Amino acid sequence: MAQDPASDAPGVPPALAAALESFEPARADHFFRAITRLLSARPLPLAAGYTTLAFGGTLALAHIDDAARGTAYASAMLGDLQALINLLLLTPLGLLALLNFYDSLKRGLAQLLGGGVIRFASDDDAADGVRRFDASLNKPWFFWVALAASLVTNYLFVYDLSGTWNSLGAGPHAWWFRAFVIVNMFVIFHVLLKGVVIVRAMAALFDTPDRLDLQPLHPDRCGGVRALGRVAMAQNYFLCVVAVFISVMAVVSGGGTGGTSSDFFLFPAIVGGFLLLAVYLFFGPLSRAHAVMEQARDRELSRLNAAFQALHRQITDDIAEGRGLSLEEAQKVQVLERLYQIVSGMPVWPFDVRILAQFAIAVALPLLVGVAVEIASKALGD
């Protein structure tokens, strides 16, 4: 997870720094916390270790089952394109996206509060706000709802798998594989629940603009709220991996219907649903920032214009009285002109071109991967 947020926001009052340090968006994600304790909290060792347990463990148990019972489950698993893509590619990518989501959320909150963009009546009030947000993200019932949804979904998946290498009757390797699938789907539902909380919190934040101190001259060139755009993008990275997973499942297996990818509607329905959800999670809460950021920019431009008009009158008076233009006045004119250019060019959305480009790529990826997998499936079939 992220380092001490206080290191990202120097000068934070002690009460707020303590609340930010204890803020843990994955507190109620017991599976994730157990995995990071068992393996590592660093991205690459975590992804590699989890993939080894999921894929390597399943394959090893399948070989043991084959040797003991004379079956060919290991070769069937290695010939399952969907399983290979999901276990070797999407599982580690999903774990990395989850780690990035939690890290972006932790760092983003520290940057917003530490930078003074979000204002509270007092330091204690700010610390209480952090603790309330922590509690809303980690409601105990989130865990049980996500787990129940995962179990029900897995039951629907395994209901018609009789005779396949991953049916529960195939042996211990199938149960090992299914355990990881349950965890993976639990994480999906759990993050979606947290996403709803984040959307509501961000919407409430921009519905109370007096709590925001947007800074048009902030170095992030987004009024100091670029961190919100990164949090929204982190959600969509995770959602993108989920959409790719479902798209691969739909294209390769026909969604379990036994049909072909050309005569069923599941894949376009999944892509369409993903597009709607991605746009909602990204633009829904951030669209409310537009009016607030635009007002902040216009307010700053008005201040600069008033300062320039006052300076202009002073210069005009000096010239009329024969004193000419002083070096100090000339420097002030240059500074005001530069500030006006900077403020007028400030975006009125809490993201920049780079984040927007990343969002476009994330949205297009499930469709591109689904098409690529279908082409590969046909090529291998031929």
Protein backbone atom coordinates (compact mmCIF):
# COMPACT_ATOMS: atom_id res chain seq x y z
CA MET A 1 0.00 0.00 0.00
CA ALA A 2 0.95 3.66 -0.04
CA GLN A 3 3.60 5.18 2.16
CA ASP A 4 2.75 7.44 5.08
CA PRO A 5 0.48 10.11 3.57
CA ALA A 6 2.13 12.71 5.76
CA SER A 7 5.20 12.34 3.55
CA ASP A 8 3.10 13.38 0.57
CA ALA A 9 1.68 16.43 2.31
CA PRO A 10 4.29 18.17 4.51
CA GLY A 11 3.05 20.48 7.24
CA VAL A 12 -0.16 18.55 7.90
CA PRO A 13 -1.47 19.12 11.45
CA PRO A 14 -0.81 16.16 13.80
CA ALA A 15 -4.48 15.19 14.26
CA LEU A 16 -5.10 15.11 10.53
CA ALA A 17 -1.78 13.38 9.82
CA ALA A 18 -2.69 10.62 12.29
CA ALA A 19 -6.11 10.14 10.67
CA LEU A 20 -4.56 10.00 7.19
CA GLU A 21 -1.95 7.51 8.34
CA SER A 22 -4.62 5.21 9.78
CA PHE A 23 -6.89 5.60 6.74
CA GLU A 24 -7.05 2.18 5.09
CA PRO A 25 -9.42 1.73 2.11
CA ALA A 26 -8.76 -2.03 2.12
CA ARG A 27 -9.49 -2.49 5.81
CA ALA A 28 -12.56 -4.68 5.24
CA ASP A 29 -11.09 -6.46 2.21
CA HIS A 30 -9.98 -9.44 4.27
CA PHE A 31 -8.95 -11.54 1.27
CA PHE A 32 -6.72 -8.80 -0.11
CA ARG A 33 -5.13 -8.14 3.26
CA ALA A 34 -4.49 -11.85 3.80
CA ILE A 35 -2.91 -12.17 0.34
CA THR A 36 -0.61 -9.20 0.88
CA ARG A 37 0.46 -10.54 4.27
CA LEU A 38 1.13 -13.99 2.81
CA LEU A 39 2.93 -12.84 -0.32
CA SER A 40 3.97 -9.20 -0.52
CA ALA A 41 2.55 -5.69 -0.60
CA ARG A 42 4.82 -4.77 -3.52
CA PRO A 43 3.11 -4.89 -6.93
CA LEU A 44 5.26 -7.29 -8.97
CA PRO A 45 6.00 -9.88 -6.23
CA LEU A 46 2.33 -9.80 -5.24
CA ALA A 47 1.10 -10.38 -8.81
CA ALA A 48 3.71 -13.05 -9.50
CA GLY A 49 3.05 -14.88 -6.24
CA TYR A 50 -0.71 -14.87 -6.62
CA THR A 51 -0.51 -16.04 -10.24
CA THR A 52 1.84 -18.84 -9.20
CA LEU A 53 -0.57 -19.98 -6.51
CA ALA A 54 -3.61 -19.79 -8.79
CA PHE A 55 -2.22 -21.16 -12.05
CA GLY A 56 0.73 -23.16 -10.80
CA GLY A 57 -1.21 -24.71 -7.95
CA THR A 58 -4.10 -25.72 -10.18
CA LEU A 59 -1.79 -27.19 -12.81
CA ALA A 60 0.27 -29.10 -10.24
CA LEU A 61 -2.84 -30.61 -8.67
CA ALA A 62 -4.19 -31.47 -12.12
CA HIS A 63 -0.97 -33.41 -12.88
CA ILE A 64 -1.32 -35.25 -9.57
CA ASP A 65 -4.95 -36.11 -10.38
CA ASP A 66 -3.90 -37.32 -13.85
CA ALA A 67 -1.17 -39.55 -12.41
CA ALA A 68 -3.47 -41.00 -9.77
CA ARG A 69 -6.60 -41.50 -11.90
CA GLY A 70 -5.35 -41.70 -15.48
CA THR A 71 -7.17 -38.55 -16.58
CA ALA A 72 -5.93 -35.77 -18.87
CA TYR A 73 -7.08 -32.70 -16.95
CA ALA A 74 -3.67 -30.96 -17.10
CA SER A 75 -3.57 -31.02 -20.89
CA ALA A 76 -7.22 -29.95 -21.02
CA MET A 77 -6.41 -26.99 -18.79
CA LEU A 78 -3.44 -25.98 -20.93
CA GLY A 79 -5.67 -26.16 -23.99
CA ASP A 80 -8.31 -23.91 -22.43
CA LEU A 81 -7.62 -20.49 -23.97
CA GLN A 82 -10.05 -18.74 -21.65
CA ALA A 83 -8.41 -20.20 -18.54
CA LEU A 84 -4.92 -19.33 -19.76
CA ILE A 85 -5.83 -15.71 -20.51
CA ASN A 86 -7.67 -15.29 -17.23
CA LEU A 87 -5.10 -16.99 -14.98
CA LEU A 88 -1.87 -15.83 -16.61
CA LEU A 89 -2.87 -12.36 -17.79
CA LEU A 90 -6.04 -10.97 -16.29
CA THR A 91 -5.56 -12.28 -12.75
CA PRO A 92 -2.21 -10.52 -12.19
CA LEU A 93 -3.43 -7.40 -14.04
CA GLY A 94 -6.56 -7.32 -11.89
CA LEU A 95 -4.50 -7.59 -8.72
CA LEU A 96 -2.21 -4.78 -9.88
CA ALA A 97 -5.24 -2.65 -10.74
CA LEU A 98 -6.71 -3.34 -7.30
CA LEU A 99 -3.44 -2.36 -5.60
CA ASN A 100 -3.32 0.82 -7.70
CA PHE A 101 -6.94 1.60 -6.79
CA TYR A 102 -6.30 1.40 -3.05
CA ASP A 103 -3.00 3.26 -3.35
CA SER A 104 -4.53 6.06 -5.47
CA LEU A 105 -7.37 6.45 -3.00
CA LYS A 106 -5.03 6.70 -0.03
CA ARG A 107 -2.62 9.09 -1.71
CA GLY A 108 -5.37 11.14 -3.32
CA LEU A 109 -7.07 11.85 0.00
CA ALA A 110 -3.74 12.86 1.54
CA GLN A 111 -2.99 15.25 -1.33
CA LEU A 112 -6.42 16.88 -1.26
CA LEU A 113 -6.43 17.42 2.49
CA GLY A 114 -2.74 18.10 2.86
CA GLY A 115 -2.83 20.63 0.05
CA GLY A 116 -5.72 22.50 1.60
CA VAL A 117 -8.05 21.90 -1.34
CA ILE A 118 -10.72 20.40 0.95
CA ARG A 119 -11.46 22.67 3.88
CA PHE A 120 -12.89 21.82 7.29
CA ALA A 121 -13.83 24.00 10.23
CA SER A 122 -10.91 22.67 12.26
CA ASP A 123 -8.15 20.07 12.20
CA ASP A 124 -10.20 17.81 14.46
CA ASP A 125 -13.17 18.14 12.10
CA ALA A 126 -10.91 17.17 9.17
CA ALA A 127 -9.64 14.13 11.07
CA ASP A 128 -13.23 13.11 11.85
CA GLY A 129 -14.08 13.48 8.16
CA VAL A 130 -11.27 11.09 7.22
CA ARG A 131 -12.44 8.56 9.79
CA ARG A 132 -16.05 8.80 8.55
CA PHE A 133 -14.90 8.21 4.97
CA ASP A 134 -12.84 5.24 6.14
CA ALA A 135 -15.89 3.79 7.90
CA SER A 136 -18.12 4.30 4.87
CA LEU A 137 -15.64 2.45 2.63
CA ASN A 138 -15.26 -0.44 5.07
CA LYS A 139 -18.78 -1.24 6.16
CA PRO A 140 -18.75 -4.82 7.50
CA TRP A 141 -21.76 -5.85 5.42
CA PHE A 142 -19.86 -4.99 2.21
CA PHE A 143 -17.70 -8.07 2.79
CA TRP A 144 -20.63 -10.44 3.26
CA VAL A 145 -22.67 -9.04 0.37
CA ALA A 146 -19.68 -9.30 -1.98
CA LEU A 147 -18.92 -12.83 -0.78
CA ALA A 148 -22.55 -13.92 -1.21
CA ALA A 149 -22.66 -12.42 -4.70
CA SER A 150 -19.43 -14.25 -5.59
CA LEU A 151 -20.73 -17.58 -4.29
CA VAL A 152 -24.02 -17.24 -6.18
CA THR A 153 -22.23 -16.25 -9.38
CA ASN A 154 -19.84 -19.18 -9.08
CA TYR A 155 -22.74 -21.55 -8.49
CA LEU A 156 -24.29 -20.35 -11.73
CA PHE A 157 -20.97 -20.85 -13.53
CA VAL A 158 -20.27 -24.38 -12.27
CA TYR A 159 -23.86 -25.59 -12.60
CA ASP A 160 -23.31 -26.80 -16.17
CA LEU A 161 -19.60 -27.75 -16.12
CA SER A 162 -20.04 -31.48 -15.72
CA GLY A 163 -17.27 -33.44 -17.46
CA THR A 164 -14.88 -30.51 -17.87
CA TRP A 165 -11.46 -30.14 -16.24
CA ASN A 166 -12.76 -27.43 -13.90
CA SER A 167 -16.00 -29.08 -12.80
CA LEU A 168 -16.07 -29.71 -9.06
CA GLY A 169 -16.24 -33.45 -9.64
CA ALA A 170 -12.94 -33.42 -11.51
CA GLY A 171 -10.84 -33.48 -8.36
CA PRO A 172 -8.86 -31.32 -5.93
CA HIS A 173 -7.40 -29.17 -8.71
CA ALA A 174 -10.90 -27.99 -9.65
CA TRP A 175 -11.68 -27.02 -6.05
CA TRP A 176 -8.36 -25.16 -5.80
CA PHE A 177 -9.13 -23.32 -9.04
CA ARG A 178 -12.67 -22.52 -7.93
CA ALA A 179 -11.41 -21.06 -4.62
CA PHE A 180 -9.37 -18.48 -6.51
CA VAL A 181 -12.29 -17.70 -8.81
CA ILE A 182 -14.48 -17.07 -5.76
CA VAL A 183 -11.86 -14.68 -4.34
CA ASN A 184 -11.47 -12.89 -7.67
CA MET A 185 -15.20 -12.36 -8.06
CA PHE A 186 -15.52 -11.29 -4.45
CA VAL A 187 -12.97 -8.55 -5.14
CA ILE A 188 -14.97 -7.40 -8.16
CA PHE A 189 -18.20 -7.00 -6.20
CA HIS A 190 -16.38 -5.48 -3.25
CA VAL A 191 -14.69 -2.79 -5.35
CA LEU A 192 -17.98 -1.97 -7.08
CA LEU A 193 -19.56 -1.35 -3.67
CA LYS A 194 -16.66 0.89 -2.71
CA GLY A 195 -17.00 2.66 -6.06
CA VAL A 196 -20.58 3.62 -5.21
CA VAL A 197 -19.36 5.13 -1.92
CA ILE A 198 -16.64 7.10 -3.71
CA VAL A 199 -19.05 8.40 -6.35
CA ARG A 200 -21.46 9.58 -3.65
CA ALA A 201 -18.67 11.16 -1.60
CA MET A 202 -17.25 13.04 -4.59
CA ALA A 203 -20.70 14.20 -5.65
CA ALA A 204 -21.41 15.47 -2.13
CA LEU A 205 -18.05 17.25 -2.10
CA PHE A 206 -18.85 19.29 -5.19
CA ASP A 207 -22.41 19.90 -4.04
CA THR A 208 -20.91 21.85 -1.12
CA PRO A 209 -18.47 24.16 -2.94
CA ASP A 210 -17.76 26.16 0.22
CA ARG A 211 -15.77 23.12 1.39
CA LEU A 212 -13.53 23.35 -1.68
CA ASP A 213 -10.69 25.81 -2.01
CA LEU A 214 -9.89 25.36 -5.69
CA GLN A 215 -6.55 26.87 -6.65
CA PRO A 216 -6.30 27.94 -10.30
CA LEU A 217 -2.53 28.41 -9.98
CA HIS A 218 -1.94 24.96 -8.46
CA PRO A 219 1.01 23.09 -10.08
CA ASP A 220 -1.24 20.20 -11.13
CA ARG A 221 -3.03 22.64 -13.53
CA CYS A 222 -6.38 21.22 -12.40
CA GLY A 223 -7.10 23.58 -9.54
CA GLY A 224 -5.51 21.18 -7.06
CA VAL A 225 -8.10 18.42 -7.62
CA ARG A 226 -6.26 16.31 -10.19
CA ALA A 227 -6.04 13.61 -7.51
CA LEU A 228 -9.81 13.10 -7.90
CA GLY A 229 -9.31 12.37 -11.57
CA ARG A 230 -6.63 9.84 -10.75
CA VAL A 231 -8.90 8.09 -8.25
CA ALA A 232 -11.69 7.90 -10.85
CA MET A 233 -9.19 6.57 -13.39
CA ALA A 234 -7.94 3.94 -10.94
CA GLN A 235 -11.52 2.67 -10.57
CA ASN A 236 -11.82 2.39 -14.33
CA TYR A 237 -8.53 0.52 -14.67
CA PHE A 238 -9.91 -2.15 -12.38
CA LEU A 239 -13.28 -2.09 -14.14
CA CYS A 240 -11.47 -2.43 -17.48
CA VAL A 241 -9.76 -5.64 -16.36
CA VAL A 242 -13.11 -7.00 -15.19
CA ALA A 243 -14.73 -6.13 -18.52
CA VAL A 244 -11.89 -7.80 -20.43
CA PHE A 245 -12.30 -10.92 -18.26
CA ILE A 246 -16.04 -11.13 -18.98
CA SER A 247 -15.50 -10.34 -22.67
CA VAL A 248 -12.98 -13.17 -22.99
CA MET A 249 -15.38 -15.53 -21.23
CA ALA A 250 -18.22 -14.47 -23.51
CA VAL A 251 -16.24 -14.68 -26.76
CA VAL A 252 -14.44 -17.96 -26.05
CA SER A 253 -17.24 -19.91 -24.41
CA GLY A 254 -20.35 -18.18 -25.69
CA GLY A 255 -21.20 -17.28 -22.10
CA GLY A 256 -21.75 -20.94 -21.26
CA THR A 257 -24.63 -21.24 -23.70
CA GLY A 258 -22.86 -23.58 -26.06
CA GLY A 259 -23.38 -21.19 -28.95
CA THR A 260 -20.79 -19.42 -31.03
CA SER A 261 -19.60 -15.88 -30.62
CA SER A 262 -21.32 -14.86 -33.85
CA ASP A 263 -24.86 -15.80 -32.82
CA PHE A 264 -25.20 -14.60 -29.25
CA PHE A 265 -25.66 -11.14 -27.80
CA LEU A 266 -23.68 -11.43 -24.56
CA PHE A 267 -20.44 -9.84 -25.79
CA PRO A 268 -21.98 -6.60 -27.17
CA ALA A 269 -24.22 -6.39 -24.10
CA ILE A 270 -21.16 -6.67 -21.83
CA VAL A 271 -19.21 -4.06 -23.79
CA GLY A 272 -22.21 -1.71 -23.80
CA GLY A 273 -22.76 -2.15 -20.07
CA PHE A 274 -19.09 -1.56 -19.38
CA LEU A 275 -19.11 1.65 -21.43
CA LEU A 276 -22.08 3.00 -19.49
CA LEU A 277 -20.61 2.06 -16.11
CA ALA A 278 -17.17 3.42 -17.01
CA VAL A 279 -18.58 6.75 -18.16
CA TYR A 280 -20.71 6.97 -15.01
CA LEU A 281 -17.86 6.16 -12.62
CA PHE A 282 -15.49 8.57 -14.36
CA PHE A 283 -17.61 11.50 -15.51
CA GLY A 284 -20.56 11.16 -13.10
CA PRO A 285 -18.97 12.59 -9.96
CA LEU A 286 -16.36 14.66 -11.79
CA SER A 287 -18.92 16.44 -13.96
CA ARG A 288 -20.11 18.22 -10.83
CA ALA A 289 -16.63 19.66 -10.48
CA HIS A 290 -16.96 21.45 -13.79
CA ALA A 291 -19.18 24.29 -12.60
CA VAL A 292 -17.21 24.75 -9.38
CA MET A 293 -13.86 24.82 -11.19
CA GLU A 294 -15.22 27.18 -13.82
CA GLN A 295 -16.44 29.55 -11.11
CA ALA A 296 -13.04 29.43 -9.40
CA ARG A 297 -11.27 30.24 -12.64
CA ASP A 298 -13.62 33.12 -13.48
CA ARG A 299 -13.27 34.47 -9.94
CA GLU A 300 -9.48 34.46 -10.20
CA LEU A 301 -9.61 36.07 -13.64
CA SER A 302 -11.82 38.84 -12.24
CA ARG A 303 -9.30 39.47 -9.47
CA LEU A 304 -6.45 39.66 -11.95
CA ASN A 305 -8.45 41.95 -14.20
CA ALA A 306 -9.20 44.27 -11.27
CA ALA A 307 -5.50 44.33 -10.32
CA PHE A 308 -4.52 45.06 -13.92
CA GLN A 309 -7.06 47.88 -14.21
CA ALA A 310 -5.76 49.45 -11.00
CA LEU A 311 -2.19 49.19 -12.27
CA HIS A 312 -3.21 50.57 -15.64
CA ARG A 313 -4.78 53.65 -14.01
CA GLN A 314 -1.65 54.17 -11.95
CA ILE A 315 0.59 53.93 -15.02
CA THR A 316 -1.69 56.28 -16.96
CA ASP A 317 -1.58 58.82 -14.15
CA ASP A 318 2.20 58.57 -13.90
CA ILE A 319 2.61 59.10 -17.63
CA ALA A 320 0.17 62.03 -17.58
CA GLU A 321 2.19 63.64 -14.80
CA GLY A 322 5.43 63.12 -16.69
CA ARG A 323 6.95 60.45 -14.46
CA GLY A 324 7.02 57.74 -17.13
CA LEU A 325 6.86 53.97 -16.64
CA SER A 326 8.96 52.67 -13.75
CA LEU A 327 10.79 49.32 -13.79
CA GLU A 328 8.62 48.08 -10.95
CA GLU A 329 5.43 48.89 -12.86
CA ALA A 330 6.76 47.19 -16.00
CA GLN A 331 7.54 44.06 -14.00
CA LYS A 332 4.07 44.09 -12.46
CA VAL A 333 2.51 44.29 -15.93
CA GLN A 334 4.53 41.28 -17.08
CA VAL A 335 3.61 39.29 -13.98
CA LEU A 336 -0.11 40.06 -14.34
CA GLU A 337 -0.05 39.16 -18.04
CA ARG A 338 1.67 35.84 -17.27
CA LEU A 339 -0.73 35.05 -14.43
CA TYR A 340 -3.72 35.85 -16.65
CA GLN A 341 -2.42 33.45 -19.32
CA ILE A 342 -1.91 30.69 -16.75
CA VAL A 343 -5.31 31.09 -15.11
CA SER A 344 -7.24 31.44 -18.38
CA GLY A 345 -5.64 28.18 -19.57
CA MET A 346 -6.59 26.27 -16.42
CA PRO A 347 -8.78 23.24 -17.20
CA VAL A 348 -12.28 23.29 -15.76
CA TRP A 349 -12.36 19.51 -15.33
CA PRO A 350 -10.43 17.65 -12.59
CA PHE A 351 -8.29 15.75 -15.08
CA ASP A 352 -5.84 16.57 -17.83
CA VAL A 353 -5.31 15.29 -21.37
CA ARG A 354 -3.14 12.44 -20.14
CA ILE A 355 -5.81 11.09 -17.79
CA LEU A 356 -8.47 11.52 -20.48
CA ALA A 357 -6.31 9.57 -22.96
CA GLN A 358 -5.85 6.81 -20.38
CA PHE A 359 -9.62 6.68 -19.89
CA ALA A 360 -10.19 6.36 -23.65
CA ILE A 361 -7.70 3.49 -23.84
CA ALA A 362 -9.26 1.75 -20.86
CA VAL A 363 -12.72 2.04 -22.42
CA ALA A 364 -11.58 0.71 -25.80
CA LEU A 365 -9.49 -2.16 -24.43
CA PRO A 366 -12.29 -4.67 -23.62
CA LEU A 367 -13.70 -4.35 -27.12
CA LEU A 368 -10.27 -4.71 -28.75
CA VAL A 369 -9.31 -7.68 -26.58
CA GLY A 370 -12.64 -9.39 -27.21
CA VAL A 371 -12.22 -9.05 -30.96
CA ALA A 372 -8.59 -10.21 -30.77
CA VAL A 373 -9.52 -13.29 -28.73
CA GLU A 374 -12.28 -14.18 -31.16
CA ILE A 375 -9.86 -13.92 -34.08
CA ALA A 376 -7.29 -16.02 -32.20
CA SER A 377 -9.92 -18.62 -31.32
CA LYS A 378 -10.97 -18.97 -34.95
CA ALA A 379 -7.36 -19.14 -36.09
CA LEU A 380 -6.52 -21.87 -33.59
CA GLY A 381 -9.73 -23.67 -34.46
CA ASP A 382 -8.81 -23.63 -38.11
